[in-house]
Each structure stands twice: as structure tokens, then as C-alpha cells.
Amino acid sequence: MAEVKAGRAATAALLAQLAADLGASLLDAVSAADMDEAVIVAAGLLPAVDAVRANGFNLLLDIGATDHHPLTPRFEISYHFLALPEDAVAGSIPSSGVVPARFRLRVFPDDRDPVVPSLCGRWPNADWPEREVYDLFGVRFDGHPDLRRILMPDDWEGYPLRKDYPLRGLNRRFNPGGLPGPVPPVVTK
């Protein structure tokens, strides 16, 4: 396992490695108040994630998406990582005294066909967050082993967290599982 460095030392080393490894795939590197981050092209995601892990970031915390419509680029995928010392216990400072470091990767997929590589092969816990982003935003994860809806019904039309999705939803009735009996009327006001 890679050595876990404290806070900014860990992210500074990672940013230097990303700049060396990714070249033009690294669009920006930012030191923010809460955590450092790198903005990369989608094609550079897997090499960037390999560098993240090699620099001691051993936990993928979350994957999230943002729809910036009508701005371009429209979609943003954020990956949050933590460099957690081996002796860390929830709610306490590790005995090593190393403060866990946080790091964020941001990717902006193509607006017309939003596709990014899946991290499931490298981080198994990426499975459900990738499915959630697909289900709610329509961003596809190339190479995902089971990319299907996770929150919405299988026959749901559209992606409800996109900014161009109708505010009141689609004008349709929802009857989970085709249950018998009356279905409440669609509210139009």
C-alpha cells in the first residue's frame, strides 16, 4: 500500500504526478479551501484514478453529477477520494497522527453523448453511485457491469435531475407493480 501523507502534502504530490502523467488530459489543478482538485478530460479518467490510488488515496467516497444546462460544458462528474490511514477508526484521530487527506477529480463529458469510463473495475464501490448518476442524469459509464436504473422504475422516461426535465414531471400516472384498484388522478395544477 502507498504511504499515506498528511493533508496538503498528499494532494501536492498527487497533483504533481497528475501533471507529469496526464499532460494535456489535465485541464486544471486547483487548491481550494476544502480540498484540492484536478479537472481532467474523460479519456484521462482511468490513468488519473490509478495515480490517485498510487498516492495513498484508498477510499472512493462518492461520485456525483451536476447539470449546468444551459451552460457548456453541460455535465460535470465529481469523484471524491480520501487518503485514510490504516489505523483510522471512525470518529477518532488515527494513532499515527496522520490527518486524512481529501481529493476531488472533476470530469466534463461530451454534452451530446455524455459517457465516461466506469471505475467499477478499480473501485467496486463505484457500482451504485454510477448507476445513480446514470438513472438521474443519463450519463453512461462505459464498461459498467450492470448499468441499469437503480432509483426510478425501469420504464421511466427521461432523467429527472436534468435541468431540461419538466418541472412537474411527465404527465403520466404511476402505479407501482401494476397494483389493482384505482390509480389517483394526475395533478395538473
Protein backbone atom coordinates (compact mmCIF):
# COMPACT_ATOMS: atom_id res chain seq x y z
CA MET A 1 0.00 0.00 0.00
CA ALA A 2 1.20 3.52 -0.79
CA GLU A 3 2.34 5.72 2.05
CA VAL A 4 -0.43 7.95 3.40
CA LYS A 5 0.75 11.53 3.70
CA ALA A 6 -0.98 14.25 5.67
CA GLY A 7 -3.38 16.73 4.10
CA ARG A 8 -1.81 19.13 1.59
CA ALA A 9 1.42 17.11 1.30
CA ALA A 10 -0.59 14.19 -0.08
CA THR A 11 -2.53 16.27 -2.57
CA ALA A 12 0.51 18.30 -3.67
CA ALA A 13 2.35 15.08 -4.54
CA LEU A 14 -0.71 13.78 -6.37
CA LEU A 15 -1.17 16.99 -8.39
CA ALA A 16 2.50 16.86 -9.42
CA GLN A 17 2.14 13.25 -10.56
CA LEU A 18 -1.09 14.01 -12.47
CA ALA A 19 0.63 16.88 -14.29
CA ALA A 20 3.51 14.57 -15.26
CA ASP A 21 1.38 11.54 -16.21
CA LEU A 22 -1.62 13.14 -17.92
CA GLY A 23 -0.12 16.03 -19.85
CA ALA A 24 -2.87 17.66 -21.94
CA SER A 25 -5.55 15.45 -20.31
CA LEU A 26 -5.12 17.52 -17.14
CA LEU A 27 -7.12 20.69 -17.81
CA ASP A 28 -6.71 22.39 -14.44
CA ALA A 29 -5.40 21.82 -10.92
CA VAL A 30 -6.95 23.82 -8.11
CA SER A 31 -6.07 24.17 -4.43
CA ALA A 32 -9.36 25.04 -2.79
CA ALA A 33 -10.07 25.74 0.87
CA ASP A 34 -11.82 22.43 1.47
CA MET A 35 -9.76 20.14 -0.79
CA ASP A 36 -7.51 20.12 -3.80
CA GLU A 37 -8.92 19.03 -7.13
CA ALA A 38 -7.98 18.24 -10.70
CA VAL A 39 -10.11 18.80 -13.78
CA ILE A 40 -9.43 16.21 -16.47
CA VAL A 41 -10.81 15.08 -19.81
CA ALA A 42 -12.89 11.89 -19.73
CA ALA A 43 -10.22 9.93 -21.63
CA GLY A 44 -7.75 10.62 -18.80
CA LEU A 45 -10.01 9.37 -16.01
CA LEU A 46 -8.62 5.85 -15.58
CA PRO A 47 -4.94 6.89 -15.55
CA ALA A 48 -5.85 9.68 -13.12
CA VAL A 49 -7.64 7.25 -10.81
CA ASP A 50 -4.62 4.94 -10.91
CA ALA A 51 -2.43 7.88 -9.83
CA VAL A 52 -4.90 8.76 -7.08
CA ARG A 53 -4.64 5.25 -5.64
CA ALA A 54 -0.85 5.11 -6.07
CA ASN A 55 -0.59 8.28 -3.97
CA GLY A 56 -2.34 6.71 -0.99
CA PHE A 57 -5.95 7.72 -1.63
CA ASN A 58 -7.50 4.40 -0.70
CA LEU A 59 -11.20 5.24 -0.42
CA LEU A 60 -13.62 6.39 -3.10
CA LEU A 61 -16.10 8.39 -1.04
CA ASP A 62 -18.67 9.39 -3.63
CA ILE A 63 -19.49 10.07 -7.25
CA GLY A 64 -21.83 12.92 -8.05
CA ALA A 65 -23.13 14.77 -11.08
CA THR A 66 -24.21 18.31 -11.86
CA ASP A 67 -26.20 19.57 -14.85
CA HIS A 68 -25.09 23.11 -15.72
CA HIS A 69 -27.65 23.50 -18.55
CA PRO A 70 -27.80 25.85 -20.49
CA LEU A 71 -24.06 26.38 -19.98
CA THR A 72 -21.39 24.43 -21.81
CA PRO A 73 -19.96 22.05 -20.79
CA ARG A 74 -23.28 20.85 -19.50
CA PHE A 75 -22.48 17.83 -17.32
CA GLU A 76 -19.90 17.58 -14.56
CA ILE A 77 -18.98 14.33 -12.82
CA SER A 78 -17.18 14.67 -9.48
CA TYR A 79 -15.21 11.90 -7.79
CA HIS A 80 -14.24 12.34 -4.12
CA PHE A 81 -11.36 10.37 -2.62
CA LEU A 82 -9.92 10.03 0.88
CA ALA A 83 -6.41 9.00 1.95
CA LEU A 84 -7.34 7.08 5.07
CA PRO A 85 -4.52 5.78 7.31
CA GLU A 86 -4.65 2.05 8.07
CA ASP A 87 -5.07 2.71 11.79
CA ALA A 88 -8.04 5.05 11.30
CA VAL A 89 -11.19 4.35 13.28
CA ALA A 90 -14.43 6.19 12.61
CA GLY A 91 -14.75 9.32 14.70
CA SER A 92 -11.20 9.40 16.04
CA ILE A 93 -7.79 10.73 15.07
CA PRO A 94 -5.53 7.89 13.92
CA SER A 95 -2.75 6.92 16.32
CA SER A 96 -0.26 7.73 13.56
CA GLY A 97 -1.40 11.36 13.80
CA VAL A 98 -1.91 11.50 10.04
CA VAL A 99 -4.92 13.61 9.11
CA PRO A 100 -6.89 12.02 6.26
CA ALA A 101 -6.48 13.96 3.02
CA ARG A 102 -9.33 14.59 0.58
CA PHE A 103 -9.09 14.95 -3.18
CA ARG A 104 -11.60 15.59 -5.96
CA LEU A 105 -11.44 14.71 -9.65
CA ARG A 106 -13.82 16.54 -11.98
CA VAL A 107 -14.69 15.36 -15.49
CA PHE A 108 -16.85 17.10 -18.09
CA PRO A 109 -18.20 14.53 -20.60
CA ASP A 110 -19.47 15.45 -24.05
CA ASP A 111 -22.81 17.31 -23.91
CA ARG A 112 -24.47 15.39 -26.77
CA ASP A 113 -23.40 11.91 -25.66
CA PRO A 114 -22.31 12.00 -22.01
CA VAL A 115 -20.10 8.96 -21.49
CA VAL A 116 -17.23 8.43 -19.03
CA PRO A 117 -15.26 5.27 -18.20
CA SER A 118 -16.60 3.18 -15.33
CA LEU A 119 -14.47 2.88 -12.19
CA CYS A 120 -16.07 -0.42 -11.13
CA GLY A 121 -13.04 -2.44 -12.22
CA ARG A 122 -10.78 -0.38 -9.95
CA TRP A 123 -13.18 0.65 -7.18
CA PRO A 124 -16.02 -1.88 -6.69
CA ASN A 125 -17.93 0.62 -4.54
CA ALA A 126 -18.40 2.79 -7.67
CA ASP A 127 -21.18 0.42 -8.77
CA TRP A 128 -24.23 2.04 -7.18
CA PRO A 129 -23.12 5.70 -7.42
CA GLU A 130 -22.51 5.24 -11.16
CA ARG A 131 -25.93 3.65 -11.57
CA GLU A 132 -27.49 6.55 -9.65
CA VAL A 133 -25.83 9.15 -11.91
CA TYR A 134 -26.95 7.18 -14.96
CA ASP A 135 -30.51 6.85 -13.65
CA LEU A 136 -30.99 10.51 -12.73
CA PHE A 137 -28.78 12.34 -15.28
CA GLY A 138 -28.40 9.92 -18.20
CA VAL A 139 -24.60 9.88 -18.09
CA ARG A 140 -23.40 6.46 -19.25
CA PHE A 141 -20.42 4.69 -17.69
CA ASP A 142 -18.54 2.72 -20.32
CA GLY A 143 -17.58 -0.73 -19.03
CA HIS A 144 -20.01 -0.77 -16.10
CA PRO A 145 -21.00 -4.40 -15.41
CA ASP A 146 -24.70 -3.70 -14.67
CA LEU A 147 -25.71 -0.23 -15.88
CA ARG A 148 -29.46 -0.05 -15.30
CA ARG A 149 -31.82 2.12 -13.31
CA ILE A 150 -31.44 1.97 -9.54
CA LEU A 151 -33.93 4.54 -8.16
CA MET A 152 -36.53 5.11 -10.87
CA PRO A 153 -38.83 2.40 -12.30
CA ASP A 154 -37.35 0.51 -15.25
CA ASP A 155 -39.89 2.01 -17.67
CA TRP A 156 -39.35 5.62 -16.53
CA GLU A 157 -38.96 8.11 -19.36
CA GLY A 158 -36.14 10.62 -19.20
CA TYR A 159 -33.70 11.62 -16.49
CA PRO A 160 -35.36 13.59 -13.67
CA LEU A 161 -32.34 15.57 -12.42
CA ARG A 162 -31.56 17.07 -15.81
CA LYS A 163 -32.42 20.74 -15.89
CA ASP A 164 -34.45 20.33 -19.09
CA TYR A 165 -36.71 17.73 -17.45
CA PRO A 166 -40.26 19.10 -16.94
CA LEU A 167 -40.57 20.73 -13.51
CA ARG A 168 -43.83 18.94 -12.76
CA GLY A 169 -42.57 15.69 -14.22
CA LEU A 170 -44.07 13.83 -17.11
CA ASN A 171 -47.86 13.80 -17.31
CA ARG A 172 -48.34 10.13 -16.52
CA ARG A 173 -49.81 8.00 -13.80
CA PHE A 174 -47.60 5.84 -11.67
CA ASN A 175 -48.93 2.50 -10.48
CA PRO A 176 -46.04 0.60 -8.86
CA GLY A 177 -46.08 -3.04 -9.83
CA GLY A 178 -49.41 -2.68 -11.65
CA LEU A 179 -51.35 -2.91 -8.40
CA PRO A 180 -55.10 -3.47 -8.81
CA GLY A 181 -57.51 -0.75 -7.82
CA PRO A 182 -57.98 2.90 -8.64
CA VAL A 183 -54.98 4.99 -9.58
CA PRO A 184 -55.07 8.56 -8.23
CA PRO A 185 -55.70 11.21 -10.90
CA VAL A 186 -52.80 13.18 -12.33
CA VAL A 187 -52.49 16.59 -10.63
CA THR A 188 -52.19 19.35 -13.24
CA LYS A 189 -52.19 22.48 -11.08
